[in-house]
Amino acid sequence: MLAFTINDTKAFMGLLLKSDTFDAFQFRQGELTTFISFSMDGHRNLDFYSTEEQEAALSRYISWEEIRPFVFQAIKGNKLPKSIKLVLSLPEEKLEHLPNINAAFLNIFFRENVLFCTTAVSQESFSLDKSSEKLWEEYVLKFFRKNGIGIQLQEG
């Protein structure tokens, strides 16, 4: 597991909420606390879609691109949210590069003016081999570097 803080919260939130930087990620779940608490489940509600839309091979989870405008709407304003918790994941079709991995997560937490992120993986079967987890961590670090997002790694 990789753990790090974001150096520039405002710039990061701009990339997360106002640009397509994170749009390729799937949205698994989220919690926002502003004047009320919002809880979101990223599972796609297939009953909402027509038969034709369902046959178009919709993913099990919605993309960050689909939920991003709603999250932005819920937290925009003059006051900072009390807290934010977002769980994003690598799309399932990209997992073939990570052997023995069911899911690869990027967890984003904002509380008390600190933006903190962690990575995690869900293995298909128990293994002491951490090479796929290390590949996911390297991918996240490259993604942040490529997008000019400064971080401070946490020791642990």
C-alpha atoms as a PDB file:
ATOM      1  CA  MET A   1       0.000   0.000   0.000  1.00  0.00           C
ATOM      2  CA  LEU A   2       1.184   3.447  -0.936  1.00  0.00           C
ATOM      3  CA  ALA A   3       0.131   6.411   1.229  1.00  0.00           C
ATOM      4  CA  PHE A   4       0.736  10.062   0.415  1.00  0.00           C
ATOM      5  CA  THR A   5      -0.550  13.591   0.897  1.00  0.00           C
ATOM      6  CA  ILE A   6      -1.216  16.024  -1.920  1.00  0.00           C
ATOM      7  CA  ASN A   7       0.946  19.155  -1.846  1.00  0.00           C
ATOM      8  CA  ASP A   8      -1.514  21.522  -3.578  1.00  0.00           C
ATOM      9  CA  THR A   9      -5.102  20.696  -2.615  1.00  0.00           C
ATOM     10  CA  LYS A  10      -6.686  23.391  -4.798  1.00  0.00           C
ATOM     11  CA  ALA A  11      -4.808  22.325  -7.947  1.00  0.00           C
ATOM     12  CA  PHE A  12      -5.559  18.651  -7.317  1.00  0.00           C
ATOM     13  CA  MET A  13      -9.267  19.289  -6.760  1.00  0.00           C
ATOM     14  CA  GLY A  14      -9.327  21.310  -9.983  1.00  0.00           C
ATOM     15  CA  LEU A  15      -7.898  18.342 -11.892  1.00  0.00           C
ATOM     16  CA  LEU A  16     -10.227  15.907 -10.131  1.00  0.00           C
ATOM     17  CA  LEU A  17     -13.462  17.905 -10.479  1.00  0.00           C
ATOM     18  CA  LYS A  18     -13.027  20.281 -13.430  1.00  0.00           C
ATOM     19  CA  SER A  19     -10.947  18.335 -15.942  1.00  0.00           C
ATOM     20  CA  ASP A  20     -10.898  14.927 -17.588  1.00  0.00           C
ATOM     21  CA  THR A  21      -7.655  13.903 -15.833  1.00  0.00           C
ATOM     22  CA  PHE A  22      -9.264  11.129 -13.746  1.00  0.00           C
ATOM     23  CA  ASP A  23     -12.125  10.295 -16.140  1.00  0.00           C
ATOM     24  CA  ALA A  24     -10.724   6.907 -17.161  1.00  0.00           C
ATOM     25  CA  PHE A  25     -11.029   5.602 -13.598  1.00  0.00           C
ATOM     26  CA  GLN A  26     -14.097   3.753 -12.388  1.00  0.00           C
ATOM     27  CA  PHE A  27     -16.005   5.142  -9.423  1.00  0.00           C
ATOM     28  CA  ARG A  28     -16.587   2.568  -6.691  1.00  0.00           C
ATOM     29  CA  GLN A  29     -17.998   4.617  -3.828  1.00  0.00           C
ATOM     30  CA  GLY A  30     -17.956   8.009  -2.184  1.00  0.00           C
ATOM     31  CA  GLU A  31     -19.005   9.992   0.840  1.00  0.00           C
ATOM     32  CA  LEU A  32     -19.282  13.767   0.984  1.00  0.00           C
ATOM     33  CA  THR A  33     -20.039  15.805   4.067  1.00  0.00           C
ATOM     34  CA  THR A  34     -21.159  19.373   3.472  1.00  0.00           C
ATOM     35  CA  PHE A  35     -24.418  20.793   4.873  1.00  0.00           C
ATOM     36  CA  ILE A  36     -25.648  17.176   4.702  1.00  0.00           C
ATOM     37  CA  SER A  37     -23.919  13.845   4.142  1.00  0.00           C
ATOM     38  CA  PHE A  38     -24.004  12.207   0.733  1.00  0.00           C
ATOM     39  CA  SER A  39     -23.258   8.515   0.267  1.00  0.00           C
ATOM     40  CA  MET A  40     -22.759   7.147  -3.244  1.00  0.00           C
ATOM     41  CA  ASP A  41     -22.471   3.612  -4.521  1.00  0.00           C
ATOM     42  CA  GLY A  42     -20.679   3.293  -7.850  1.00  0.00           C
ATOM     43  CA  HIS A  43     -22.536   0.158  -9.002  1.00  0.00           C
ATOM     44  CA  ARG A  44     -24.392   0.863 -12.199  1.00  0.00           C
ATOM     45  CA  ASN A  45     -28.168   0.501 -11.785  1.00  0.00           C
ATOM     46  CA  LEU A  46     -28.952  -1.505 -14.917  1.00  0.00           C
ATOM     47  CA  ASP A  47     -32.718  -1.141 -14.376  1.00  0.00           C
ATOM     48  CA  PHE A  48     -32.293   2.541 -15.270  1.00  0.00           C
ATOM     49  CA  TYR A  49     -31.166   1.678 -18.828  1.00  0.00           C
ATOM     50  CA  SER A  50     -33.132   0.517 -21.847  1.00  0.00           C
ATOM     51  CA  THR A  51     -32.569  -2.965 -23.241  1.00  0.00           C
ATOM     52  CA  GLU A  52     -30.511  -1.492 -26.081  1.00  0.00           C
ATOM     53  CA  GLU A  53     -28.335   0.425 -23.640  1.00  0.00           C
ATOM     54  CA  GLN A  54     -27.852  -2.685 -21.499  1.00  0.00           C
ATOM     55  CA  GLU A  55     -26.781  -4.675 -24.561  1.00  0.00           C
ATOM     56  CA  ALA A  56     -24.075  -2.076 -25.242  1.00  0.00           C
ATOM     57  CA  ALA A  57     -21.889  -3.859 -22.654  1.00  0.00           C
ATOM     58  CA  LEU A  58     -22.131  -1.311 -19.889  1.00  0.00           C
ATOM     59  CA  SER A  59     -19.517  -1.664 -17.191  1.00  0.00           C
ATOM     60  CA  ARG A  60     -20.537  -2.843 -13.739  1.00  0.00           C
ATOM     61  CA  TYR A  61     -19.281   0.421 -12.192  1.00  0.00           C
ATOM     62  CA  ILE A  62     -19.821   3.926 -13.478  1.00  0.00           C
ATOM     63  CA  SER A  63     -16.859   5.964 -14.636  1.00  0.00           C
ATOM     64  CA  TRP A  64     -15.522   8.976 -12.776  1.00  0.00           C
ATOM     65  CA  GLU A  65     -16.482  10.965 -15.885  1.00  0.00           C
ATOM     66  CA  GLU A  66     -20.157  10.074 -15.326  1.00  0.00           C
ATOM     67  CA  ILE A  67     -20.303  11.010 -11.635  1.00  0.00           C
ATOM     68  CA  ARG A  68     -17.816  13.911 -11.621  1.00  0.00           C
ATOM     69  CA  PRO A  69     -20.395  16.665 -12.409  1.00  0.00           C
ATOM     70  CA  PHE A  70     -22.641  15.484  -9.565  1.00  0.00           C
ATOM     71  CA  VAL A  71     -19.783  15.403  -7.070  1.00  0.00           C
ATOM     72  CA  PHE A  72     -18.660  18.860  -8.194  1.00  0.00           C
ATOM     73  CA  GLN A  73     -22.192  20.211  -7.810  1.00  0.00           C
ATOM     74  CA  ALA A  74     -22.472  18.756  -4.308  1.00  0.00           C
ATOM     75  CA  ILE A  75     -19.279  20.360  -2.984  1.00  0.00           C
ATOM     76  CA  LYS A  76     -18.943  23.627  -4.889  1.00  0.00           C
ATOM     77  CA  GLY A  77     -19.541  26.809  -2.963  1.00  0.00           C
ATOM     78  CA  ASN A  78     -17.883  29.235  -0.619  1.00  0.00           C
ATOM     79  CA  LYS A  79     -17.268  26.711   2.162  1.00  0.00           C
ATOM     80  CA  LEU A  80     -14.944  23.744   2.061  1.00  0.00           C
ATOM     81  CA  PRO A  81     -16.571  20.347   2.572  1.00  0.00           C
ATOM     82  CA  LYS A  82     -16.140  18.902   6.067  1.00  0.00           C
ATOM     83  CA  SER A  83     -14.901  15.666   4.488  1.00  0.00           C
ATOM     84  CA  ILE A  84     -14.629  13.782   1.219  1.00  0.00           C
ATOM     85  CA  LYS A  85     -13.952  10.103   0.662  1.00  0.00           C
ATOM     86  CA  LEU A  86     -13.739   8.808  -2.907  1.00  0.00           C
ATOM     87  CA  VAL A  87     -12.760   5.323  -4.038  1.00  0.00           C
ATOM     88  CA  LEU A  88     -11.670   5.082  -7.667  1.00  0.00           C
ATOM     89  CA  SER A  89     -10.366   2.001  -9.425  1.00  0.00           C
ATOM     90  CA  LEU A  90      -8.581   0.974 -12.557  1.00  0.00           C
ATOM     91  CA  PRO A  91     -11.132  -0.160 -15.171  1.00  0.00           C
ATOM     92  CA  GLU A  92     -11.543  -3.918 -15.207  1.00  0.00           C
ATOM     93  CA  GLU A  93     -10.348  -4.213 -18.823  1.00  0.00           C
ATOM     94  CA  LYS A  94      -6.941  -2.785 -17.798  1.00  0.00           C
ATOM     95  CA  LEU A  95      -6.326  -5.347 -15.068  1.00  0.00           C
ATOM     96  CA  GLU A  96      -4.721  -7.878 -17.429  1.00  0.00           C
ATOM     97  CA  HIS A  97      -1.406  -6.101 -16.794  1.00  0.00           C
ATOM     98  CA  LEU A  98      -1.731  -6.904 -13.085  1.00  0.00           C
ATOM     99  CA  PRO A  99      -1.692 -10.698 -12.594  1.00  0.00           C
ATOM    100  CA  ASN A 100      -3.784 -12.114  -9.725  1.00  0.00           C
ATOM    101  CA  ILE A 101      -5.557  -8.766  -9.166  1.00  0.00           C
ATOM    102  CA  ASN A 102      -9.376  -8.384  -9.071  1.00  0.00           C
ATOM    103  CA  ALA A 103      -9.295  -4.624  -8.493  1.00  0.00           C
ATOM    104  CA  ALA A 104      -6.762  -1.811  -8.087  1.00  0.00           C
ATOM    105  CA  PHE A 105      -7.926   1.133  -5.977  1.00  0.00           C
ATOM    106  CA  LEU A 106      -7.029   4.778  -5.517  1.00  0.00           C
ATOM    107  CA  ASN A 107      -8.576   6.104  -2.300  1.00  0.00           C
ATOM    108  CA  ILE A 108      -8.891   9.878  -1.881  1.00  0.00           C
ATOM    109  CA  PHE A 109      -9.630  11.424   1.526  1.00  0.00           C
ATOM    110  CA  PHE A 110     -10.079  15.084   2.434  1.00  0.00           C
ATOM    111  CA  ARG A 111     -10.484  16.069   6.068  1.00  0.00           C
ATOM    112  CA  GLU A 112      -9.297  19.024   8.151  1.00  0.00           C
ATOM    113  CA  ASN A 113      -7.802  20.710   5.066  1.00  0.00           C
ATOM    114  CA  VAL A 114      -5.540  17.733   4.306  1.00  0.00           C
ATOM    115  CA  LEU A 115      -5.837  15.682   1.124  1.00  0.00           C
ATOM    116  CA  PHE A 116      -4.582  12.140   1.642  1.00  0.00           C
ATOM    117  CA  CYS A 117      -4.457   9.227  -0.829  1.00  0.00           C
ATOM    118  CA  THR A 118      -3.772   5.529  -0.542  1.00  0.00           C
ATOM    119  CA  THR A 119      -3.534   2.690  -3.024  1.00  0.00           C
ATOM    120  CA  ALA A 120      -4.792  -0.844  -2.511  1.00  0.00           C
ATOM    121  CA  VAL A 121      -5.412  -4.016  -4.482  1.00  0.00           C
ATOM    122  CA  SER A 122      -7.801  -6.924  -4.180  1.00  0.00           C
ATOM    123  CA  GLN A 123      -6.158 -10.228  -5.064  1.00  0.00           C
ATOM    124  CA  GLU A 124      -7.927 -13.070  -6.873  1.00  0.00           C
ATOM    125  CA  SER A 125      -6.223 -15.557  -4.553  1.00  0.00           C
ATOM    126  CA  PHE A 126      -3.889 -15.227  -1.605  1.00  0.00           C
ATOM    127  CA  SER A 127      -0.289 -14.728  -2.564  1.00  0.00           C
ATOM    128  CA  LEU A 128       2.864 -13.454  -0.903  1.00  0.00           C
ATOM    129  CA  ASP A 129       3.959 -12.120  -4.295  1.00  0.00           C
ATOM    130  CA  LYS A 130       3.518  -8.345  -4.188  1.00  0.00           C
ATOM    131  CA  SER A 131       4.769  -7.644  -7.731  1.00  0.00           C
ATOM    132  CA  SER A 132       1.313  -6.700  -9.094  1.00  0.00           C
ATOM    133  CA  GLU A 133       0.711  -4.407  -6.130  1.00  0.00           C
ATOM    134  CA  LYS A 134       4.082  -2.743  -6.800  1.00  0.00           C
ATOM    135  CA  LEU A 135       3.141  -2.313 -10.491  1.00  0.00           C
ATOM    136  CA  TRP A 136      -0.099  -0.573  -9.434  1.00  0.00           C
ATOM    137  CA  GLU A 137       1.806   1.717  -7.056  1.00  0.00           C
ATOM    138  CA  GLU A 138       4.294   2.596  -9.827  1.00  0.00           C
ATOM    139  CA  TYR A 139       1.400   3.302 -12.217  1.00  0.00           C
ATOM    140  CA  VAL A 140      -0.198   5.690  -9.691  1.00  0.00           C
ATOM    141  CA  LEU A 141       3.096   7.493  -9.063  1.00  0.00           C
ATOM    142  CA  LYS A 142       3.678   7.900 -12.825  1.00  0.00           C
ATOM    143  CA  PHE A 143       0.089   9.103 -13.308  1.00  0.00           C
ATOM    144  CA  PHE A 144       0.502  11.770 -10.628  1.00  0.00           C
ATOM    145  CA  ARG A 145       3.920  12.827 -11.960  1.00  0.00           C
ATOM    146  CA  LYS A 146       2.642  12.988 -15.573  1.00  0.00           C
ATOM    147  CA  ASN A 147      -0.230  15.233 -14.467  1.00  0.00           C
ATOM    148  CA  GLY A 148       1.996  17.537 -12.403  1.00  0.00           C
ATOM    149  CA  ILE A 149       0.471  16.520  -9.071  1.00  0.00           C
ATOM    150  CA  GLY A 150       2.994  16.996  -6.279  1.00  0.00           C
ATOM    151  CA  ILE A 151       2.836  14.489  -3.440  1.00  0.00           C
ATOM    152  CA  GLN A 152       4.552  13.744  -0.152  1.00  0.00           C
ATOM    153  CA  LEU A 153       4.978  10.007   0.464  1.00  0.00           C
ATOM    154  CA  GLN A 154       4.164   8.830   3.985  1.00  0.00           C
ATOM    155  CA  GLU A 155       6.654   6.646   5.763  1.00  0.00           C
ATOM    156  CA  GLY A 156       5.378   3.377   7.073  1.00  0.00           C
END
